[in-house]
Amino acid sequence: MEEWERWERRVQTAAHPVAYRLMRAVAARGPVVRVPRVGVVVSDAGLARQVLTDTEAYTKTGPGAAARCGARCSVRGC
C-alpha cells in the first residue's frame, strides 16, 4: 500500500469511523452487493458510471429513487 493510500484510509477512518469500515466491508464482498434495507451498493467505479449514464436500461425515477424522493426522504429511505 502506498503512502497516499495509507493517508487516505487514516483520514476517512478518522472522519467516519463506523461508516468507512462498513463500506470497506461491503466493497470487499464484491463489486455489486445487495444490502437489506439499503438497496444495491456498487463499489466498482466503472460499473457505477455505466449504470448512471444508461438511461435506457436503468431508471432513476422508480420507487425509492432519489429523483422521486426529493425532500421526503428520511434516514431509513423512501
N, C-alpha and C. Protein backbone atom coordinates (compact mmCIF):
# COMPACT_ATOMS: atom_id res chain seq x y z
N MET A 1 0.84 -1.17 0.00
CA MET A 1 0.00 0.00 0.00
C MET A 1 0.89 1.24 0.00
N GLU A 2 0.57 2.16 -0.88
CA GLU A 2 1.37 3.38 -0.98
C GLU A 2 1.04 4.36 0.14
N GLU A 3 1.92 5.35 0.28
CA GLU A 3 1.76 6.32 1.36
C GLU A 3 0.45 7.09 1.26
N TRP A 4 0.06 7.50 0.05
CA TRP A 4 -1.18 8.26 -0.10
C TRP A 4 -2.41 7.41 0.24
N GLU A 5 -2.32 6.11 -0.02
CA GLU A 5 -3.44 5.22 0.32
C GLU A 5 -3.58 5.08 1.83
N ARG A 6 -2.45 4.96 2.51
CA ARG A 6 -2.49 4.89 3.98
C ARG A 6 -3.05 6.17 4.57
N TRP A 7 -2.62 7.31 4.02
CA TRP A 7 -3.09 8.61 4.50
C TRP A 7 -4.60 8.75 4.24
N GLU A 8 -5.05 8.38 3.07
CA GLU A 8 -6.48 8.45 2.74
C GLU A 8 -7.30 7.58 3.69
N ARG A 9 -6.82 6.40 3.96
CA ARG A 9 -7.52 5.49 4.89
C ARG A 9 -7.59 6.10 6.29
N ARG A 10 -6.50 6.71 6.74
CA ARG A 10 -6.48 7.34 8.06
C ARG A 10 -7.47 8.50 8.13
N VAL A 11 -7.50 9.32 7.09
CA VAL A 11 -8.40 10.48 7.07
C VAL A 11 -9.86 10.01 7.06
N GLN A 12 -10.19 9.07 6.19
CA GLN A 12 -11.57 8.58 6.10
C GLN A 12 -12.00 7.88 7.39
N THR A 13 -11.12 7.10 7.98
CA THR A 13 -11.45 6.40 9.22
C THR A 13 -11.65 7.39 10.36
N ALA A 14 -10.84 8.43 10.41
CA ALA A 14 -11.00 9.44 11.46
C ALA A 14 -12.29 10.23 11.27
N ALA A 15 -12.64 10.54 10.04
CA ALA A 15 -13.84 11.34 9.77
C ALA A 15 -15.12 10.53 9.93
N HIS A 16 -15.09 9.27 9.52
CA HIS A 16 -16.29 8.42 9.53
C HIS A 16 -15.92 7.03 10.05
N PRO A 17 -15.66 6.90 11.34
CA PRO A 17 -15.14 5.63 11.86
C PRO A 17 -16.02 4.41 11.59
N VAL A 18 -17.31 4.52 11.74
CA VAL A 18 -18.18 3.37 11.54
C VAL A 18 -18.53 3.21 10.06
N ALA A 19 -18.96 4.29 9.42
CA ALA A 19 -19.40 4.22 8.02
C ALA A 19 -18.27 3.77 7.09
N TYR A 20 -17.06 4.27 7.28
CA TYR A 20 -15.96 3.90 6.40
C TYR A 20 -15.64 2.42 6.51
N ARG A 21 -15.59 1.90 7.72
CA ARG A 21 -15.30 0.47 7.90
C ARG A 21 -16.42 -0.39 7.33
N LEU A 22 -17.66 0.07 7.51
CA LEU A 22 -18.79 -0.67 6.97
C LEU A 22 -18.75 -0.69 5.44
N MET A 23 -18.48 0.44 4.83
CA MET A 23 -18.41 0.50 3.36
C MET A 23 -17.25 -0.33 2.82
N ARG A 24 -16.12 -0.34 3.51
CA ARG A 24 -14.99 -1.17 3.08
C ARG A 24 -15.35 -2.66 3.17
N ALA A 25 -16.10 -3.03 4.21
CA ALA A 25 -16.51 -4.43 4.37
C ALA A 25 -17.47 -4.83 3.25
N VAL A 26 -18.40 -3.94 2.89
CA VAL A 26 -19.34 -4.22 1.80
C VAL A 26 -18.58 -4.32 0.48
N ALA A 27 -17.65 -3.41 0.24
CA ALA A 27 -16.88 -3.41 -1.00
C ALA A 27 -16.03 -4.67 -1.14
N ALA A 28 -15.57 -5.21 -0.02
CA ALA A 28 -14.75 -6.42 -0.06
C ALA A 28 -15.55 -7.65 -0.49
N ARG A 29 -16.86 -7.58 -0.39
CA ARG A 29 -17.71 -8.72 -0.77
C ARG A 29 -17.90 -8.83 -2.27
N GLY A 30 -17.63 -7.73 -3.00
CA GLY A 30 -17.76 -7.79 -4.45
C GLY A 30 -18.14 -6.44 -5.03
N PRO A 31 -18.14 -6.33 -6.35
CA PRO A 31 -18.42 -5.03 -6.99
C PRO A 31 -19.88 -4.61 -6.86
N VAL A 32 -20.80 -5.56 -6.71
CA VAL A 32 -22.23 -5.25 -6.54
C VAL A 32 -22.75 -6.12 -5.41
N VAL A 33 -23.27 -5.47 -4.36
CA VAL A 33 -23.76 -6.19 -3.18
C VAL A 33 -25.14 -5.67 -2.81
N ARG A 34 -26.08 -6.58 -2.62
CA ARG A 34 -27.41 -6.19 -2.15
C ARG A 34 -27.37 -6.14 -0.63
N VAL A 35 -27.72 -4.97 -0.08
CA VAL A 35 -27.71 -4.76 1.37
C VAL A 35 -29.17 -4.57 1.81
N PRO A 36 -29.66 -5.43 2.70
CA PRO A 36 -31.04 -5.31 3.16
C PRO A 36 -31.33 -3.93 3.75
N ARG A 37 -32.50 -3.39 3.44
CA ARG A 37 -32.99 -2.09 3.91
C ARG A 37 -32.21 -0.91 3.34
N VAL A 38 -31.19 -1.16 2.53
CA VAL A 38 -30.43 -0.09 1.89
C VAL A 38 -30.64 -0.14 0.39
N GLY A 39 -30.46 -1.30 -0.19
CA GLY A 39 -30.59 -1.46 -1.63
C GLY A 39 -29.36 -2.14 -2.19
N VAL A 40 -28.96 -1.72 -3.36
CA VAL A 40 -27.79 -2.31 -4.02
C VAL A 40 -26.64 -1.32 -3.93
N VAL A 41 -25.50 -1.79 -3.45
CA VAL A 41 -24.30 -0.96 -3.33
C VAL A 41 -23.34 -1.39 -4.42
N VAL A 42 -22.93 -0.43 -5.26
CA VAL A 42 -21.99 -0.68 -6.35
C VAL A 42 -20.67 -0.03 -5.96
N SER A 43 -19.63 -0.83 -5.82
CA SER A 43 -18.33 -0.29 -5.41
C SER A 43 -17.33 -0.21 -6.55
N ASP A 44 -17.71 -0.66 -7.73
CA ASP A 44 -16.84 -0.58 -8.90
C ASP A 44 -17.17 0.72 -9.64
N ALA A 45 -16.21 1.63 -9.75
CA ALA A 45 -16.45 2.94 -10.34
C ALA A 45 -16.91 2.86 -11.79
N GLY A 46 -16.31 1.99 -12.57
CA GLY A 46 -16.69 1.85 -13.98
C GLY A 46 -18.12 1.35 -14.13
N LEU A 47 -18.48 0.37 -13.33
CA LEU A 47 -19.83 -0.18 -13.37
C LEU A 47 -20.85 0.85 -12.89
N ALA A 48 -20.52 1.58 -11.84
CA ALA A 48 -21.43 2.62 -11.33
C ALA A 48 -21.66 3.69 -12.40
N ARG A 49 -20.62 4.09 -13.09
CA ARG A 49 -20.76 5.10 -14.15
C ARG A 49 -21.62 4.56 -15.28
N GLN A 50 -21.42 3.32 -15.64
CA GLN A 50 -22.20 2.70 -16.71
C GLN A 50 -23.69 2.69 -16.36
N VAL A 51 -24.01 2.34 -15.13
CA VAL A 51 -25.41 2.30 -14.70
C VAL A 51 -26.00 3.72 -14.68
N LEU A 52 -25.25 4.67 -14.14
CA LEU A 52 -25.76 6.03 -14.02
C LEU A 52 -25.96 6.73 -15.36
N THR A 53 -25.20 6.35 -16.35
CA THR A 53 -25.33 7.01 -17.66
C THR A 53 -26.23 6.26 -18.63
N ASP A 54 -26.65 5.05 -18.29
CA ASP A 54 -27.52 4.26 -19.18
C ASP A 54 -28.98 4.50 -18.80
N THR A 55 -29.60 5.51 -19.42
CA THR A 55 -30.98 5.85 -19.09
C THR A 55 -31.99 4.92 -19.77
N GLU A 56 -31.54 4.13 -20.71
CA GLU A 56 -32.44 3.18 -21.38
C GLU A 56 -32.75 1.97 -20.50
N ALA A 57 -31.74 1.40 -19.88
CA ALA A 57 -31.91 0.16 -19.12
C ALA A 57 -32.15 0.39 -17.63
N TYR A 58 -31.70 1.52 -17.07
CA TYR A 58 -31.82 1.76 -15.64
C TYR A 58 -32.60 3.05 -15.40
N THR A 59 -33.66 2.96 -14.62
CA THR A 59 -34.46 4.14 -14.32
C THR A 59 -33.94 4.85 -13.07
N LYS A 60 -34.05 6.14 -13.09
CA LYS A 60 -33.66 6.94 -11.92
C LYS A 60 -34.90 7.49 -11.23
N THR A 61 -36.10 7.11 -11.71
CA THR A 61 -37.34 7.66 -11.16
C THR A 61 -38.27 6.59 -10.61
N GLY A 62 -37.78 5.38 -10.41
CA GLY A 62 -38.61 4.31 -9.87
C GLY A 62 -38.82 4.46 -8.38
N PRO A 63 -39.58 3.54 -7.78
CA PRO A 63 -39.82 3.60 -6.34
C PRO A 63 -38.52 3.60 -5.54
N GLY A 64 -38.37 4.53 -4.63
CA GLY A 64 -37.19 4.63 -3.80
C GLY A 64 -36.04 5.38 -4.42
N ALA A 65 -36.17 5.81 -5.68
CA ALA A 65 -35.09 6.53 -6.35
C ALA A 65 -34.98 7.95 -5.79
N ALA A 66 -33.79 8.48 -5.79
CA ALA A 66 -33.56 9.82 -5.26
C ALA A 66 -34.36 10.87 -6.02
N ALA A 67 -34.55 10.67 -7.30
CA ALA A 67 -35.29 11.64 -8.10
C ALA A 67 -36.75 11.75 -7.67
N ARG A 68 -37.32 10.67 -7.16
CA ARG A 68 -38.72 10.69 -6.72
C ARG A 68 -38.87 11.12 -5.28
N CYS A 69 -37.85 10.89 -4.48
CA CYS A 69 -37.97 11.17 -3.06
C CYS A 69 -37.95 12.66 -2.75
N GLY A 70 -37.01 13.37 -3.34
CA GLY A 70 -36.87 14.80 -3.05
C GLY A 70 -36.67 15.03 -1.58
N ALA A 71 -37.43 15.94 -1.02
CA ALA A 71 -37.29 16.30 0.39
C ALA A 71 -38.00 15.32 1.31
N ARG A 72 -38.74 14.36 0.76
CA ARG A 72 -39.49 13.43 1.59
C ARG A 72 -38.63 12.32 2.18
N CYS A 73 -37.43 12.12 1.71
CA CYS A 73 -36.60 11.00 2.17
C CYS A 73 -36.23 11.16 3.65
N SER A 74 -36.29 10.07 4.35
CA SER A 74 -35.85 10.05 5.74
C SER A 74 -34.54 9.29 5.80
N VAL A 75 -34.03 9.11 6.96
CA VAL A 75 -32.78 8.39 7.14
C VAL A 75 -32.92 6.94 6.68
N ARG A 76 -34.10 6.35 6.86
CA ARG A 76 -34.31 4.94 6.52
C ARG A 76 -34.70 4.74 5.08
N GLY A 77 -34.88 5.77 4.30
CA GLY A 77 -35.24 5.62 2.89
C GLY A 77 -36.63 6.15 2.61
N CYS A 78 -37.12 5.88 1.41
CA CYS A 78 -38.41 6.43 0.99
C CYS A 78 -39.54 5.48 1.33
